C-alpha atoms as a PDB file:
ATOM      1  CA  UNK A   1       0.095  -0.448  -0.377  1.00  0.00           C
ATOM      2  CA  UNK A   2       3.238   2.099  -0.617  1.00  0.00           C
ATOM      3  CA  UNK A   3       2.467   3.363  -3.817  1.00  0.00           C
ATOM      4  CA  UNK A   4       0.087   6.823  -4.095  1.00  0.00           C
ATOM      5  CA  UNK A   5      -1.839   5.245  -7.050  1.00  0.00           C
ATOM      6  CA  UNK A   6      -3.445   2.078  -5.097  1.00  0.00           C
ATOM      7  CA  UNK A   7      -3.928   4.088  -2.208  1.00  0.00           C
ATOM      8  CA  UNK A   8      -5.460   6.466  -4.500  1.00  0.00           C
ATOM      9  CA  UNK A   9      -7.698   3.393  -5.190  1.00  0.00           C
ATOM     10  CA  UNK A  10      -7.918   2.101  -2.121  1.00  0.00           C
ATOM     11  CA  UNK A  11      -9.378   6.077  -1.109  1.00  0.00           C
ATOM     12  CA  UNK A  12     -11.894   6.389  -3.145  1.00  0.00           C
ATOM     13  CA  UNK A  13     -13.249   2.483  -3.195  1.00  0.00           C
ATOM     14  CA  UNK A  14     -13.610   3.745   1.308  1.00  0.00           C
ATOM     15  CA  UNK A  15     -15.440   5.994  -0.451  1.00  0.00           C
ATOM     16  CA  UNK A  16     -18.197   4.539  -2.058  1.00  0.00           C
ATOM     17  CA  UNK A  17     -18.604   1.946  -0.463  1.00  0.00           C
ATOM     18  CA  UNK A  18     -19.597   4.340   2.692  1.00  0.00           C
ATOM     19  CA  UNK A  19     -22.863   5.773   0.906  1.00  0.00           C
ATOM     20  CA  UNK A  20     -23.240   2.543  -1.760  1.00  0.00           C
ATOM     21  CA  UNK A  21     -26.761   1.506  -0.704  1.00  0.00           C
ATOM     22  CA  UNK A  22     -25.928  -2.531  -3.132  1.00  0.00           C
ATOM     23  CA  UNK A  23     -22.818  -4.458  -3.487  1.00  0.00           C
ATOM     24  CA  UNK A  24     -22.480  -7.006  -6.552  1.00  0.00           C
ATOM     25  CA  UNK A  25     -19.684  -9.012  -5.405  1.00  0.00           C
ATOM     26  CA  UNK A  26     -18.872 -10.205  -9.577  1.00  0.00           C
ATOM     27  CA  UNK A  27     -17.036 -13.118 -10.316  1.00  0.00           C
ATOM     28  CA  UNK A  28     -13.562 -12.849  -7.891  1.00  0.00           C
ATOM     29  CA  UNK A  29     -11.822 -15.718  -5.491  1.00  0.00           C
ATOM     30  CA  UNK A  30     -12.882 -13.141  -2.673  1.00  0.00           C
ATOM     31  CA  UNK A  31      -8.830 -15.481  -1.831  1.00  0.00           C
ATOM     32  CA  UNK A  32      -8.959 -16.149   2.708  1.00  0.00           C
ATOM     33  CA  UNK A  33      -5.521 -14.114   2.283  1.00  0.00           C
ATOM     34  CA  UNK A  34      -6.854 -10.812   1.060  1.00  0.00           C
ATOM     35  CA  UNK A  35      -6.947  -8.697   4.556  1.00  0.00           C
ATOM     36  CA  UNK A  36      -6.667  -5.234   2.846  1.00  0.00           C
ATOM     37  CA  UNK A  37      -9.931  -6.652   0.977  1.00  0.00           C
ATOM     38  CA  UNK A  38     -11.805  -7.534   3.877  1.00  0.00           C
ATOM     39  CA  UNK A  39     -10.653  -4.274   6.201  1.00  0.00           C
ATOM     40  CA  UNK A  40     -11.744  -2.038   3.546  1.00  0.00           C
ATOM     41  CA  UNK A  41     -14.990  -3.724   3.594  1.00  0.00           C
ATOM     42  CA  UNK A  42     -15.175  -3.531   7.752  1.00  0.00           C
ATOM     43  CA  UNK A  43     -14.210  -0.294   8.057  1.00  0.00           C
ATOM     44  CA  UNK A  44     -16.364   0.972   5.132  1.00  0.00           C
ATOM     45  CA  UNK A  45     -19.418  -0.892   6.273  1.00  0.00           C
ATOM     46  CA  UNK A  46     -18.632   0.363   9.891  1.00  0.00           C
ATOM     47  CA  UNK A  47     -19.376   4.376   9.057  1.00  0.00           C
ATOM     48  CA  UNK A  48     -22.314   3.098   7.960  1.00  0.00           C
ATOM     49  CA  UNK A  49     -26.301   3.771   9.676  1.00  0.00           C
ATOM     50  CA  UNK A  50     -27.406   1.031   7.238  1.00  0.00           C
ATOM     51  CA  UNK A  51     -25.227  -1.395   5.562  1.00  0.00           C
ATOM     52  CA  UNK A  52     -25.635  -2.182   1.565  1.00  0.00           C
ATOM     53  CA  UNK A  53     -27.858  -5.189   0.497  1.00  0.00           C
ATOM     54  CA  UNK A  54     -24.592  -8.069  -1.072  1.00  0.00           C
ATOM     55  CA  UNK A  55     -25.300 -10.052  -3.641  1.00  0.00           C
ATOM     56  CA  UNK A  56     -22.929 -12.586  -5.481  1.00  0.00           C
ATOM     57  CA  UNK A  57     -22.767 -13.296  -9.008  1.00  0.00           C
ATOM     58  CA  UNK A  58     -20.135 -16.353 -10.147  1.00  0.00           C
ATOM     59  CA  UNK A  59     -20.298 -19.644 -11.515  1.00  0.00           C
ATOM     60  CA  UNK A  60     -19.456 -21.776  -9.091  1.00  0.00           C
ATOM     61  CA  UNK A  61     -20.444 -25.230  -9.063  1.00  0.00           C
ATOM     62  CA  UNK A  62     -23.049 -26.418  -6.967  1.00  0.00           C
ATOM     63  CA  UNK A  63     -20.471 -28.420  -4.638  1.00  0.00           C
ATOM     64  CA  UNK A  64     -18.089 -24.888  -4.269  1.00  0.00           C
ATOM     65  CA  UNK A  65     -21.364 -22.577  -2.918  1.00  0.00           C
ATOM     66  CA  UNK A  66     -21.982 -22.481   0.306  1.00  0.00           C
ATOM     67  CA  UNK A  67     -17.825 -22.678   0.885  1.00  0.00           C
ATOM     68  CA  UNK A  68     -17.948 -19.537  -1.669  1.00  0.00           C
ATOM     69  CA  UNK A  69     -20.516 -18.021  -0.078  1.00  0.00           C
ATOM     70  CA  UNK A  70     -19.589 -18.091   3.580  1.00  0.00           C
ATOM     71  CA  UNK A  71     -16.238 -16.565   2.406  1.00  0.00           C
ATOM     72  CA  UNK A  72     -18.113 -13.718   0.103  1.00  0.00           C
ATOM     73  CA  UNK A  73     -19.724 -13.076   3.835  1.00  0.00           C
ATOM     74  CA  UNK A  74     -16.910 -13.034   5.721  1.00  0.00           C
ATOM     75  CA  UNK A  75     -14.926 -11.135   3.377  1.00  0.00           C
ATOM     76  CA  UNK A  76     -17.892  -8.504   3.340  1.00  0.00           C
ATOM     77  CA  UNK A  77     -18.960  -8.853   7.321  1.00  0.00           C
ATOM     78  CA  UNK A  78     -22.548  -9.676   6.437  1.00  0.00           C
ATOM     79  CA  UNK A  79     -25.242 -12.927   5.426  1.00  0.00           C
ATOM     80  CA  UNK A  80     -26.278 -12.961   2.002  1.00  0.00           C
ATOM     81  CA  UNK A  81     -29.165 -14.538   1.333  1.00  0.00           C
ATOM     82  CA  UNK A  82     -29.572 -17.732  -0.860  1.00  0.00           C
ATOM     83  CA  UNK A  83     -31.460 -15.380  -3.536  1.00  0.00           C
ATOM     84  CA  UNK A  84     -28.871 -12.830  -3.518  1.00  0.00           C
ATOM     85  CA  UNK A  85     -27.108 -15.426  -5.299  1.00  0.00           C
ATOM     86  CA  UNK A  86     -26.327 -16.396  -8.665  1.00  0.00           C
ATOM     87  CA  UNK A  87     -24.203 -19.333  -9.651  1.00  0.00           C
ATOM     88  CA  UNK A  88     -25.154 -20.219 -13.750  1.00  0.00           C
ATOM     89  CA  UNK A  89     -22.286 -19.473 -15.916  1.00  0.00           C
ATOM     90  CA  UNK A  90     -21.806 -16.420 -17.380  1.00  0.00           C
ATOM     91  CA  UNK A  91     -24.351 -15.644 -20.265  1.00  0.00           C
ATOM     92  CA  UNK A  92     -24.139 -11.837 -21.559  1.00  0.00           C
ATOM     93  CA  UNK A  93     -27.692 -11.269 -21.524  1.00  0.00           C
ATOM     94  CA  UNK A  94     -29.512 -13.966 -18.606  1.00  0.00           C
ATOM     95  CA  UNK A  95     -26.336 -12.559 -16.182  1.00  0.00           C
ATOM     96  CA  UNK A  96     -26.774  -9.148 -17.121  1.00  0.00           C
ATOM     97  CA  UNK A  97     -30.277  -8.814 -16.356  1.00  0.00           C
ATOM     98  CA  UNK A  98     -29.419 -11.349 -13.743  1.00  0.00           C
ATOM     99  CA  UNK A  99     -28.288  -7.709 -12.764  1.00  0.00           C
ATOM    100  CA  UNK A 100     -29.809  -5.144 -13.760  1.00  0.00           C
ATOM    101  CA  UNK A 101     -32.883  -6.509 -11.833  1.00  0.00           C
ATOM    102  CA  UNK A 102     -31.569  -6.196  -8.734  1.00  0.00           C
ATOM    103  CA  UNK A 103     -29.977  -2.930  -9.760  1.00  0.00           C
ATOM    104  CA  UNK A 104     -32.870  -1.043 -10.166  1.00  0.00           C
ATOM    105  CA  UNK A 105     -35.665  -2.722  -7.562  1.00  0.00           C
ATOM    106  CA  UNK A 106     -36.117  -0.037  -4.721  1.00  0.00           C
ATOM    107  CA  UNK A 107     -34.540  -0.154  -1.934  1.00  0.00           C
ATOM    108  CA  UNK A 108     -35.989   0.901   1.893  1.00  0.00           C
END
């Protein structure tokens, strides 16, 4: 994190996370060792009065889903309902439709 450009990017990400209402985690492995990402979420969300709704989009086979979902929950620091997960193979129209439907849903 000694690089100016990376610090700037992380600062910008922190600012966006502090005000976001919905967070989409798309196509990332979320390694257990990524402590910077976990810290970023925890710090940004700790300052929010209402945490964002979290969605997962990742084409993982049935047997790997529970482990990935648990890793995602640990990374963002909150439970993710199964209805907020899209596990199918990426197909541009189908996947984007699923995401856009949720982006445009009214939130409280």
